[in-house]
Amino acid sequence: MTQTEFATGSAIFLVVLVAGLFSSVRVERNYGTTAAQAPAGSSACVTEDGSWKNWLWPNVPMLSPTCE
């Protein structure tokens, strides 16, 4: 491995690392606060018309209980 290849690889690694850090900060800022706003003790459930209640994320778990 030459010195140029090592420098290029190190730079790419650093760029990917910094991009991942900024990505995780952005996700935490945009989605972490909405999860904190959910009522305490509430869980996801399915209403009679098939819509979801108390679920803030776009992916929905299968086999969730029906709402009472």
Protein backbone atom coordinates (compact mmCIF):
# COMPACT_ATOMS: atom_id res chain seq x y z
CA MET A 1 0.00 0.00 0.00
CA THR A 2 1.42 3.31 -1.00
CA GLN A 3 1.24 6.49 1.02
CA THR A 4 -1.24 8.01 -1.46
CA GLU A 5 -3.58 5.02 -1.19
CA PHE A 6 -3.39 5.17 2.61
CA ALA A 7 -4.20 8.89 2.63
CA THR A 8 -7.12 8.40 0.22
CA GLY A 9 -8.54 5.52 2.27
CA SER A 10 -8.17 7.48 5.50
CA ALA A 11 -9.92 10.50 3.99
CA ILE A 12 -12.81 8.36 2.75
CA PHE A 13 -13.13 6.69 6.14
CA LEU A 14 -13.20 10.08 7.86
CA VAL A 15 -15.84 11.44 5.47
CA VAL A 16 -18.08 8.41 6.02
CA LEU A 17 -17.62 8.66 9.78
CA VAL A 18 -18.54 12.36 9.86
CA ALA A 19 -21.54 11.78 7.56
CA GLY A 20 -22.80 9.04 9.87
CA LEU A 21 -22.42 11.30 12.87
CA PHE A 22 -24.38 14.12 11.25
CA SER A 23 -27.01 11.65 10.06
CA SER A 24 -27.55 10.25 13.54
CA VAL A 25 -27.76 13.75 15.01
CA ARG A 26 -30.38 14.73 12.43
CA VAL A 27 -32.44 11.59 13.01
CA GLU A 28 -32.31 12.09 16.77
CA ARG A 29 -33.34 15.74 16.43
CA ASN A 30 -36.23 15.07 14.03
CA TYR A 31 -37.63 11.80 15.38
CA GLY A 32 -36.37 11.60 18.95
CA THR A 33 -38.45 14.53 20.13
CA THR A 34 -41.71 13.15 18.69
CA ALA A 35 -41.19 9.90 20.56
CA ALA A 36 -40.78 11.87 23.77
CA GLN A 37 -44.13 13.58 23.16
CA ALA A 38 -46.07 10.31 23.16
CA PRO A 39 -48.22 9.84 26.25
CA ALA A 40 -46.56 7.77 28.93
CA GLY A 41 -47.79 4.22 29.24
CA SER A 42 -49.49 4.19 25.85
CA SER A 43 -48.82 1.40 23.42
CA ALA A 44 -49.52 0.96 19.74
CA CYS A 45 -52.86 -0.56 18.88
CA VAL A 46 -55.18 -1.02 15.91
CA THR A 47 -58.59 0.67 15.89
CA GLU A 48 -61.72 -0.94 14.44
CA ASP A 49 -61.24 0.80 11.07
CA GLY A 50 -57.68 -0.55 10.76
CA SER A 51 -55.83 2.68 11.55
CA TRP A 52 -53.04 2.88 14.08
CA LYS A 53 -53.22 4.70 17.39
CA ASN A 54 -50.19 5.79 19.49
CA TRP A 55 -47.68 4.85 16.78
CA LEU A 56 -45.39 7.65 15.57
CA TRP A 57 -43.18 5.79 13.12
CA PRO A 58 -43.87 4.87 9.48
CA ASN A 59 -43.10 1.19 10.00
CA VAL A 60 -45.92 -0.57 11.80
CA PRO A 61 -45.45 -3.74 13.84
CA MET A 62 -47.45 -6.76 12.83
CA LEU A 63 -49.73 -8.53 15.30
CA SER A 64 -50.37 -5.44 17.40
CA PRO A 65 -53.34 -5.63 19.77
CA THR A 66 -56.67 -4.01 19.02
CA CYS A 67 -57.59 -0.85 20.90
CA GLU A 68 -60.12 -1.13 23.67
